[in-house]
Amino acid sequence: MSQEQQVRPHEKQQEEPIKYGDVFDVSSDLAQKPIAPEDANMMQSAETRVLGRTLPGGVAASMQSAATMNERAGLVGHRDVSAGDRGVTVTETQVPGTRIITESVGGQVVGQYAEATPVAVAGAAQAQDSNKITIGEALEATAHTVGDKPVEQSDAAAIQAAEVRATGNNVISPGGLAAAAQSAAAYNAACQRDEEKIKMADILSGATAKLPADKAATRQDAGGVAGAEVRNNPGASATPGGVAASVAAAARLNESVNN
């Protein structure tokens, strides 16, 4: 759904501000906060700093459109900020031949995509293989995008599915990524204090080296990982910037390398 379609219900008589939950897949308090002009300005600056430009139809453009409508309706002030203490960020994670861009507001991922970067290697076939992102590298990217997120059962299920597809082995290795993720999810379920819970970065940092085997991510791998994550998520949806999202982004880029 385009930004124009998303905000159209507010155009004729805007009685409430356009909120983050109206435009992006976010939860908790952020979903109920209005998109404010200063948030949009910060995202535009962050995109320009990291990418060298503002993406047409991207996160910053969507936020600018919503914030402008909110301000014109008198529902937010020109200097208002809604992003909270964690602010607005645009980060990039480098893997061979690729950079993964993650855009966040208030600590929640609102946009993520991957783009190819030049890799100097000998031979066209070797260059094509080197440009492909492996499942292990996608898991490492997840450690950067949602590293502070406590490990939940849906995350553990997705990590297990990713490990199975990377190694081609249905047997979960003791001490491996999947086993560690399952233990972390069980521990976190009984833990009352968020600051004491095991985070995604604790499990997935250096994921490639922790896998006994690895392979380039495919559309089939992405589907299997997404299915495992969604089946084990009470909200019946994949985590933005999570394991399934990262494997899917890797698979899409790998397909573009083949074409």
C-alpha atoms as a PDB file:
ATOM      1  CA  MET A   1       0.000   0.000   0.000  1.00  0.00           C
ATOM      2  CA  SER A   2       1.445   3.347  -0.973  1.00  0.00           C
ATOM      3  CA  GLN A   3       1.811   6.265   1.405  1.00  0.00           C
ATOM      4  CA  GLU A   4      -0.826   8.149  -0.596  1.00  0.00           C
ATOM      5  CA  GLN A   5      -3.289   5.315  -0.042  1.00  0.00           C
ATOM      6  CA  GLN A   6      -2.398   5.056   3.632  1.00  0.00           C
ATOM      7  CA  VAL A   7      -3.111   8.674   4.479  1.00  0.00           C
ATOM      8  CA  ARG A   8      -6.040   9.264   2.127  1.00  0.00           C
ATOM      9  CA  PRO A   9      -8.713   8.657   4.820  1.00  0.00           C
ATOM     10  CA  HIS A  10      -7.336  11.686   6.693  1.00  0.00           C
ATOM     11  CA  GLU A  11      -7.299  14.096   3.776  1.00  0.00           C
ATOM     12  CA  LYS A  12     -10.857  15.485   3.789  1.00  0.00           C
ATOM     13  CA  GLN A  13     -11.389  16.022   7.500  1.00  0.00           C
ATOM     14  CA  GLN A  14      -8.439  15.109   9.651  1.00  0.00           C
ATOM     15  CA  GLU A  15      -9.659  14.958  13.233  1.00  0.00           C
ATOM     16  CA  GLU A  16      -6.823  12.802  14.580  1.00  0.00           C
ATOM     17  CA  PRO A  17      -3.131  12.858  13.729  1.00  0.00           C
ATOM     18  CA  ILE A  18      -1.641  10.177  11.508  1.00  0.00           C
ATOM     19  CA  LYS A  19       0.149   7.842  13.896  1.00  0.00           C
ATOM     20  CA  TYR A  20       3.114   5.566  13.409  1.00  0.00           C
ATOM     21  CA  GLY A  21       0.839   2.537  13.618  1.00  0.00           C
ATOM     22  CA  ASP A  22      -1.153   3.891  10.655  1.00  0.00           C
ATOM     23  CA  VAL A  23       1.890   3.864   8.382  1.00  0.00           C
ATOM     24  CA  PHE A  24       4.395   1.348   9.752  1.00  0.00           C
ATOM     25  CA  ASP A  25       4.320  -2.119  11.325  1.00  0.00           C
ATOM     26  CA  VAL A  26       5.178  -1.023  14.869  1.00  0.00           C
ATOM     27  CA  SER A  27       3.793  -1.864  18.285  1.00  0.00           C
ATOM     28  CA  SER A  28       3.536  -0.613  21.888  1.00  0.00           C
ATOM     29  CA  ASP A  29       3.399   3.114  22.630  1.00  0.00           C
ATOM     30  CA  LEU A  30       5.047   4.137  19.349  1.00  0.00           C
ATOM     31  CA  ALA A  31       2.078   2.880  17.318  1.00  0.00           C
ATOM     32  CA  GLN A  32      -0.162   5.426  19.059  1.00  0.00           C
ATOM     33  CA  LYS A  33       2.182   8.406  18.700  1.00  0.00           C
ATOM     34  CA  PRO A  34       1.655  10.991  15.944  1.00  0.00           C
ATOM     35  CA  ILE A  35       4.284  11.324  13.244  1.00  0.00           C
ATOM     36  CA  ALA A  36       5.859  14.659  14.106  1.00  0.00           C
ATOM     37  CA  PRO A  37       7.748  17.132  11.891  1.00  0.00           C
ATOM     38  CA  GLU A  38      11.029  16.860  13.803  1.00  0.00           C
ATOM     39  CA  ASP A  39      10.914  13.042  13.554  1.00  0.00           C
ATOM     40  CA  ALA A  40      10.535  13.337   9.781  1.00  0.00           C
ATOM     41  CA  ASN A  41      13.366  15.881   9.548  1.00  0.00           C
ATOM     42  CA  MET A  42      15.677  13.643  11.556  1.00  0.00           C
ATOM     43  CA  MET A  43      14.877  10.627   9.364  1.00  0.00           C
ATOM     44  CA  GLN A  44      15.483  12.663   6.208  1.00  0.00           C
ATOM     45  CA  SER A  45      18.862  13.795   7.563  1.00  0.00           C
ATOM     46  CA  ALA A  46      19.783  10.257   8.610  1.00  0.00           C
ATOM     47  CA  GLU A  47      18.868   8.813   5.197  1.00  0.00           C
ATOM     48  CA  THR A  48      20.892  11.491   3.436  1.00  0.00           C
ATOM     49  CA  ARG A  49      23.888  10.938   5.720  1.00  0.00           C
ATOM     50  CA  VAL A  50      23.977   7.150   5.187  1.00  0.00           C
ATOM     51  CA  LEU A  51      22.657   6.856   1.615  1.00  0.00           C
ATOM     52  CA  GLY A  52      23.632  10.187   0.138  1.00  0.00           C
ATOM     53  CA  ARG A  53      20.002  10.859  -0.778  1.00  0.00           C
ATOM     54  CA  THR A  54      16.409  10.565   0.421  1.00  0.00           C
ATOM     55  CA  LEU A  55      14.703   7.500  -1.035  1.00  0.00           C
ATOM     56  CA  PRO A  56      11.635   8.268  -3.189  1.00  0.00           C
ATOM     57  CA  GLY A  57       8.676   6.584  -1.511  1.00  0.00           C
ATOM     58  CA  GLY A  58      10.897   5.493   1.370  1.00  0.00           C
ATOM     59  CA  VAL A  59      10.577   5.861   5.122  1.00  0.00           C
ATOM     60  CA  ALA A  60      11.646   9.530   5.296  1.00  0.00           C
ATOM     61  CA  ALA A  61       9.328  10.493   2.435  1.00  0.00           C
ATOM     62  CA  SER A  62       6.396   8.715   4.093  1.00  0.00           C
ATOM     63  CA  MET A  63       7.109  10.403   7.418  1.00  0.00           C
ATOM     64  CA  GLN A  64       7.425  13.842   5.783  1.00  0.00           C
ATOM     65  CA  SER A  65       4.062  13.434   4.066  1.00  0.00           C
ATOM     66  CA  ALA A  66       2.283  12.339   7.248  1.00  0.00           C
ATOM     67  CA  ALA A  67       3.966  14.993   9.422  1.00  0.00           C
ATOM     68  CA  THR A  68       3.064  17.761   6.961  1.00  0.00           C
ATOM     69  CA  MET A  69      -0.598  16.713   7.015  1.00  0.00           C
ATOM     70  CA  ASN A  70      -0.584  16.540  10.814  1.00  0.00           C
ATOM     71  CA  GLU A  71       0.921  20.015  11.090  1.00  0.00           C
ATOM     72  CA  ARG A  72      -1.439  21.542   8.523  1.00  0.00           C
ATOM     73  CA  ALA A  73      -4.381  20.126  10.472  1.00  0.00           C
ATOM     74  CA  GLY A  74      -3.044  21.793  13.630  1.00  0.00           C
ATOM     75  CA  LEU A  75      -2.641  18.435  15.369  1.00  0.00           C
ATOM     76  CA  VAL A  76       1.116  18.695  15.950  1.00  0.00           C
ATOM     77  CA  GLY A  77       3.529  21.587  16.302  1.00  0.00           C
ATOM     78  CA  HIS A  78       6.376  22.382  13.934  1.00  0.00           C
ATOM     79  CA  ARG A  79       9.003  21.456  16.545  1.00  0.00           C
ATOM     80  CA  ASP A  80       7.192  18.446  17.989  1.00  0.00           C
ATOM     81  CA  VAL A  81       9.073  15.152  18.478  1.00  0.00           C
ATOM     82  CA  SER A  82       7.457  11.741  19.059  1.00  0.00           C
ATOM     83  CA  ALA A  83      10.401   9.366  18.590  1.00  0.00           C
ATOM     84  CA  GLY A  84      11.340   9.354  22.279  1.00  0.00           C
ATOM     85  CA  ASP A  85      14.742   8.836  23.867  1.00  0.00           C
ATOM     86  CA  ARG A  86      15.905   6.300  21.255  1.00  0.00           C
ATOM     87  CA  GLY A  87      15.255   8.761  18.458  1.00  0.00           C
ATOM     88  CA  VAL A  88      15.540   8.082  14.739  1.00  0.00           C
ATOM     89  CA  THR A  89      18.357   6.019  13.224  1.00  0.00           C
ATOM     90  CA  VAL A  90      19.493   4.716   9.843  1.00  0.00           C
ATOM     91  CA  THR A  91      22.213   2.070  10.035  1.00  0.00           C
ATOM     92  CA  GLU A  92      23.979  -0.119   7.510  1.00  0.00           C
ATOM     93  CA  THR A  93      25.384  -3.611   7.977  1.00  0.00           C
ATOM     94  CA  GLN A  94      28.108  -4.655   5.548  1.00  0.00           C
ATOM     95  CA  VAL A  95      28.326  -8.239   4.309  1.00  0.00           C
ATOM     96  CA  PRO A  96      30.371  -9.329   1.275  1.00  0.00           C
ATOM     97  CA  GLY A  97      28.904  -7.665  -1.812  1.00  0.00           C
ATOM     98  CA  THR A  98      25.971  -6.183   0.062  1.00  0.00           C
ATOM     99  CA  ARG A  99      24.917  -3.596   2.563  1.00  0.00           C
ATOM    100  CA  ILE A 100      21.702  -3.971   4.543  1.00  0.00           C
ATOM    101  CA  ILE A 101      20.025  -0.679   5.451  1.00  0.00           C
ATOM    102  CA  THR A 102      17.828  -0.582   8.552  1.00  0.00           C
ATOM    103  CA  GLU A 103      15.702   2.440   9.519  1.00  0.00           C
ATOM    104  CA  SER A 104      14.291   2.698  13.035  1.00  0.00           C
ATOM    105  CA  VAL A 105      12.135   5.048  15.089  1.00  0.00           C
ATOM    106  CA  GLY A 106      12.072   4.809  18.859  1.00  0.00           C
ATOM    107  CA  GLY A 107      14.056   1.574  18.713  1.00  0.00           C
ATOM    108  CA  GLN A 108      11.571  -0.152  16.362  1.00  0.00           C
ATOM    109  CA  VAL A 109      12.391  -1.085  12.771  1.00  0.00           C
ATOM    110  CA  VAL A 110      10.214   0.789  10.261  1.00  0.00           C
ATOM    111  CA  GLY A 111      12.104  -0.096   7.081  1.00  0.00           C
ATOM    112  CA  GLN A 112      14.802  -2.462   5.863  1.00  0.00           C
ATOM    113  CA  TYR A 113      16.290  -3.293   2.486  1.00  0.00           C
ATOM    114  CA  ALA A 114      19.498  -4.598   0.927  1.00  0.00           C
ATOM    115  CA  GLU A 115      21.515  -3.282  -1.975  1.00  0.00           C
ATOM    116  CA  ALA A 116      24.496  -4.677  -3.793  1.00  0.00           C
ATOM    117  CA  THR A 117      27.957  -3.173  -3.440  1.00  0.00           C
ATOM    118  CA  PRO A 118      30.886  -3.736  -5.821  1.00  0.00           C
ATOM    119  CA  VAL A 119      33.156  -6.680  -5.053  1.00  0.00           C
ATOM    120  CA  ALA A 120      36.484  -6.975  -6.859  1.00  0.00           C
ATOM    121  CA  VAL A 121      37.097 -10.666  -7.639  1.00  0.00           C
ATOM    122  CA  ALA A 122      38.580 -12.566 -10.553  1.00  0.00           C
ATOM    123  CA  GLY A 123      36.106 -14.037 -12.999  1.00  0.00           C
ATOM    124  CA  ALA A 124      32.396 -13.374 -13.537  1.00  0.00           C
ATOM    125  CA  ALA A 125      31.251 -16.660 -11.991  1.00  0.00           C
ATOM    126  CA  GLN A 126      33.353 -16.085  -8.891  1.00  0.00           C
ATOM    127  CA  ALA A 127      32.021 -12.535  -8.575  1.00  0.00           C
ATOM    128  CA  GLN A 128      28.451 -13.782  -8.778  1.00  0.00           C
ATOM    129  CA  ASP A 129      29.019 -16.382  -6.053  1.00  0.00           C
ATOM    130  CA  SER A 130      30.831 -13.883  -3.839  1.00  0.00           C
ATOM    131  CA  ASN A 131      27.935 -11.445  -4.097  1.00  0.00           C
ATOM    132  CA  LYS A 132      25.461 -13.904  -2.677  1.00  0.00           C
ATOM    133  CA  ILE A 133      24.472 -13.578   0.973  1.00  0.00           C
ATOM    134  CA  THR A 134      24.492 -16.741   3.041  1.00  0.00           C
ATOM    135  CA  ILE A 135      21.975 -17.687   5.698  1.00  0.00           C
ATOM    136  CA  GLY A 136      24.677 -17.243   8.317  1.00  0.00           C
ATOM    137  CA  GLU A 137      25.366 -13.703   7.116  1.00  0.00           C
ATOM    138  CA  ALA A 138      21.639 -12.938   7.222  1.00  0.00           C
ATOM    139  CA  LEU A 139      21.568 -14.130  10.837  1.00  0.00           C
ATOM    140  CA  GLU A 140      24.529 -11.876  11.633  1.00  0.00           C
ATOM    141  CA  ALA A 141      22.643  -8.962  10.077  1.00  0.00           C
ATOM    142  CA  THR A 142      19.736  -9.725  12.411  1.00  0.00           C
ATOM    143  CA  ALA A 143      22.089  -9.311  15.365  1.00  0.00           C
ATOM    144  CA  HIS A 144      22.612  -5.714  14.207  1.00  0.00           C
ATOM    145  CA  THR A 145      19.016  -4.851  13.286  1.00  0.00           C
ATOM    146  CA  VAL A 146      17.213  -6.233  16.369  1.00  0.00           C
ATOM    147  CA  GLY A 147      20.155  -7.091  18.594  1.00  0.00           C
ATOM    148  CA  ASP A 148      18.564  -5.577  21.718  1.00  0.00           C
ATOM    149  CA  LYS A 149      15.374  -7.630  21.347  1.00  0.00           C
ATOM    150  CA  PRO A 150      14.932 -10.417  23.944  1.00  0.00           C
ATOM    151  CA  VAL A 151      14.857 -13.858  22.320  1.00  0.00           C
ATOM    152  CA  GLU A 152      11.307 -15.234  22.098  1.00  0.00           C
ATOM    153  CA  GLN A 153       9.981 -18.609  21.002  1.00  0.00           C
ATOM    154  CA  SER A 154       9.217 -17.282  17.514  1.00  0.00           C
ATOM    155  CA  ASP A 155      12.826 -16.117  17.180  1.00  0.00           C
ATOM    156  CA  ALA A 156      14.147 -19.483  18.354  1.00  0.00           C
ATOM    157  CA  ALA A 157      11.931 -21.319  15.862  1.00  0.00           C
ATOM    158  CA  ALA A 158      13.130 -19.090  13.024  1.00  0.00           C
ATOM    159  CA  ILE A 159      16.786 -19.565  14.012  1.00  0.00           C
ATOM    160  CA  GLN A 160      16.275 -23.328  14.128  1.00  0.00           C
ATOM    161  CA  ALA A 161      14.677 -23.319  10.669  1.00  0.00           C
ATOM    162  CA  ALA A 162      17.543 -21.181   9.355  1.00  0.00           C
ATOM    163  CA  GLU A 163      20.165 -23.530  10.823  1.00  0.00           C
ATOM    164  CA  VAL A 164      18.459 -26.589   9.341  1.00  0.00           C
ATOM    165  CA  ARG A 165      18.391 -24.985   5.892  1.00  0.00           C
ATOM    166  CA  ALA A 166      21.971 -23.715   6.135  1.00  0.00           C
ATOM    167  CA  THR A 167      23.388 -27.089   7.159  1.00  0.00           C
ATOM    168  CA  GLY A 168      20.949 -29.452   5.442  1.00  0.00           C
ATOM    169  CA  ASN A 169      20.766 -31.382   8.710  1.00  0.00           C
ATOM    170  CA  ASN A 170      17.510 -31.786  10.637  1.00  0.00           C
ATOM    171  CA  VAL A 171      19.366 -32.800  13.806  1.00  0.00           C
ATOM    172  CA  ILE A 172      19.946 -29.826  16.126  1.00  0.00           C
ATOM    173  CA  SER A 173      23.570 -29.698  17.217  1.00  0.00           C
ATOM    174  CA  PRO A 174      24.125 -29.417  20.985  1.00  0.00           C
ATOM    175  CA  GLY A 175      25.661 -26.031  21.666  1.00  0.00           C
ATOM    176  CA  GLY A 176      24.721 -24.731  18.220  1.00  0.00           C
ATOM    177  CA  LEU A 177      22.736 -21.630  17.316  1.00  0.00           C
ATOM    178  CA  ALA A 178      19.341 -23.332  17.427  1.00  0.00           C
ATOM    179  CA  ALA A 179      20.021 -25.004  20.766  1.00  0.00           C
ATOM    180  CA  ALA A 180      21.266 -21.743  22.273  1.00  0.00           C
ATOM    181  CA  ALA A 181      18.231 -19.873  20.956  1.00  0.00           C
ATOM    182  CA  GLN A 182      15.796 -22.432  22.386  1.00  0.00           C
ATOM    183  CA  SER A 183      17.505 -22.234  25.781  1.00  0.00           C
ATOM    184  CA  ALA A 184      17.428 -18.442  25.658  1.00  0.00           C
ATOM    185  CA  ALA A 185      13.710 -18.365  24.794  1.00  0.00           C
ATOM    186  CA  ALA A 186      12.894 -20.723  27.668  1.00  0.00           C
ATOM    187  CA  TYR A 187      14.985 -18.661  30.094  1.00  0.00           C
ATOM    188  CA  ASN A 188      13.425 -15.382  28.950  1.00  0.00           C
ATOM    189  CA  ALA A 189       9.890 -16.734  29.312  1.00  0.00           C
ATOM    190  CA  ALA A 190      10.521 -17.232  33.025  1.00  0.00           C
ATOM    191  CA  CYS A 191      12.541 -14.035  33.499  1.00  0.00           C
ATOM    192  CA  GLN A 192      10.653 -11.027  34.882  1.00  0.00           C
ATOM    193  CA  ARG A 193      13.204  -8.299  34.221  1.00  0.00           C
ATOM    194  CA  ASP A 194      13.799  -7.283  30.589  1.00  0.00           C
ATOM    195  CA  GLU A 195      17.327  -6.100  31.294  1.00  0.00           C
ATOM    196  CA  GLU A 196      18.242  -9.610  32.451  1.00  0.00           C
ATOM    197  CA  LYS A 197      16.843 -11.387  29.399  1.00  0.00           C
ATOM    198  CA  ILE A 198      19.102 -12.895  26.738  1.00  0.00           C
ATOM    199  CA  LYS A 199      19.117 -10.722  23.624  1.00  0.00           C
ATOM    200  CA  MET A 200      19.238 -11.612  19.937  1.00  0.00           C
ATOM    201  CA  ALA A 201      22.770 -10.225  19.602  1.00  0.00           C
ATOM    202  CA  ASP A 202      23.937 -12.604  22.341  1.00  0.00           C
ATOM    203  CA  ILE A 203      22.885 -15.544  20.167  1.00  0.00           C
ATOM    204  CA  LEU A 204      23.473 -14.347  16.593  1.00  0.00           C
ATOM    205  CA  SER A 205      26.697 -12.305  16.751  1.00  0.00           C
ATOM    206  CA  GLY A 206      29.269 -14.219  14.701  1.00  0.00           C
ATOM    207  CA  ALA A 207      26.565 -16.625  13.502  1.00  0.00           C
ATOM    208  CA  THR A 208      28.469 -17.700  10.390  1.00  0.00           C
ATOM    209  CA  ALA A 209      31.369 -19.055  12.420  1.00  0.00           C
ATOM    210  CA  LYS A 210      28.954 -20.903  14.730  1.00  0.00           C
ATOM    211  CA  LEU A 211      27.302 -22.826  11.887  1.00  0.00           C
ATOM    212  CA  PRO A 212      28.915 -26.145  10.883  1.00  0.00           C
ATOM    213  CA  ALA A 213      27.875 -25.415   7.268  1.00  0.00           C
ATOM    214  CA  ASP A 214      26.338 -22.520   5.361  1.00  0.00           C
ATOM    215  CA  LYS A 215      24.744 -21.731   2.007  1.00  0.00           C
ATOM    216  CA  ALA A 216      23.396 -18.828  -0.028  1.00  0.00           C
ATOM    217  CA  ALA A 217      19.883 -17.845   1.036  1.00  0.00           C
ATOM    218  CA  THR A 218      17.093 -18.692  -1.433  1.00  0.00           C
ATOM    219  CA  ARG A 219      13.416 -17.832  -1.693  1.00  0.00           C
ATOM    220  CA  GLN A 220      12.599 -21.350  -0.435  1.00  0.00           C
ATOM    221  CA  ASP A 221      14.821 -20.818   2.611  1.00  0.00           C
ATOM    222  CA  ALA A 222      13.126 -17.485   3.309  1.00  0.00           C
ATOM    223  CA  GLY A 223       9.679 -19.085   3.104  1.00  0.00           C
ATOM    224  CA  GLY A 224      10.618 -21.884   5.476  1.00  0.00           C
ATOM    225  CA  VAL A 225      12.124 -19.513   8.029  1.00  0.00           C
ATOM    226  CA  ALA A 226       9.174 -17.114   7.812  1.00  0.00           C
ATOM    227  CA  GLY A 227       6.710 -19.970   8.291  1.00  0.00           C
ATOM    228  CA  ALA A 228       8.499 -21.135  11.431  1.00  0.00           C
ATOM    229  CA  GLU A 229       8.627 -17.620  12.876  1.00  0.00           C
ATOM    230  CA  VAL A 230       4.972 -16.812  12.193  1.00  0.00           C
ATOM    231  CA  ARG A 231       3.666 -20.162  13.477  1.00  0.00           C
ATOM    232  CA  ASN A 232       5.329 -19.524  16.825  1.00  0.00           C
ATOM    233  CA  ASN A 233       4.380 -15.849  17.142  1.00  0.00           C
ATOM    234  CA  PRO A 234       1.142 -15.102  19.042  1.00  0.00           C
ATOM    235  CA  GLY A 235       0.699 -12.049  16.832  1.00  0.00           C
ATOM    236  CA  ALA A 236       0.850 -14.273  13.724  1.00  0.00           C
ATOM    237  CA  SER A 237       3.331 -11.966  12.007  1.00  0.00           C
ATOM    238  CA  ALA A 238       7.075 -11.841  11.417  1.00  0.00           C
ATOM    239  CA  THR A 239       9.226  -9.441  13.449  1.00  0.00           C
ATOM    240  CA  PRO A 240      10.265  -6.363  11.412  1.00  0.00           C
ATOM    241  CA  GLY A 241      14.022  -6.628  10.944  1.00  0.00           C
ATOM    242  CA  GLY A 242      14.009 -10.102  12.532  1.00  0.00           C
ATOM    243  CA  VAL A 243      15.349 -13.450  11.354  1.00  0.00           C
ATOM    244  CA  ALA A 244      12.713 -14.065   8.683  1.00  0.00           C
ATOM    245  CA  ALA A 245      12.990 -10.495   7.367  1.00  0.00           C
ATOM    246  CA  SER A 246      16.772 -10.709   7.109  1.00  0.00           C
ATOM    247  CA  VAL A 247      16.754 -14.075   5.311  1.00  0.00           C
ATOM    248  CA  ALA A 248      14.061 -12.762   2.944  1.00  0.00           C
ATOM    249  CA  ALA A 249      16.139  -9.647   2.175  1.00  0.00           C
ATOM    250  CA  ALA A 250      19.170 -11.850   1.487  1.00  0.00           C
ATOM    251  CA  ALA A 251      17.150 -14.124  -0.809  1.00  0.00           C
ATOM    252  CA  ARG A 252      15.788 -11.172  -2.796  1.00  0.00           C
ATOM    253  CA  LEU A 253      19.250  -9.784  -3.340  1.00  0.00           C
ATOM    254  CA  ASN A 254      20.617 -13.203  -4.318  1.00  0.00           C
ATOM    255  CA  GLU A 255      17.897 -13.498  -6.960  1.00  0.00           C
ATOM    256  CA  SER A 256      18.903 -10.115  -8.377  1.00  0.00           C
ATOM    257  CA  VAL A 257      22.512 -11.358  -8.624  1.00  0.00           C
ATOM    258  CA  ASN A 258      21.334 -14.291 -10.740  1.00  0.00           C
ATOM    259  CA  ASN A 259      19.410 -12.060 -13.156  1.00  0.00           C
END
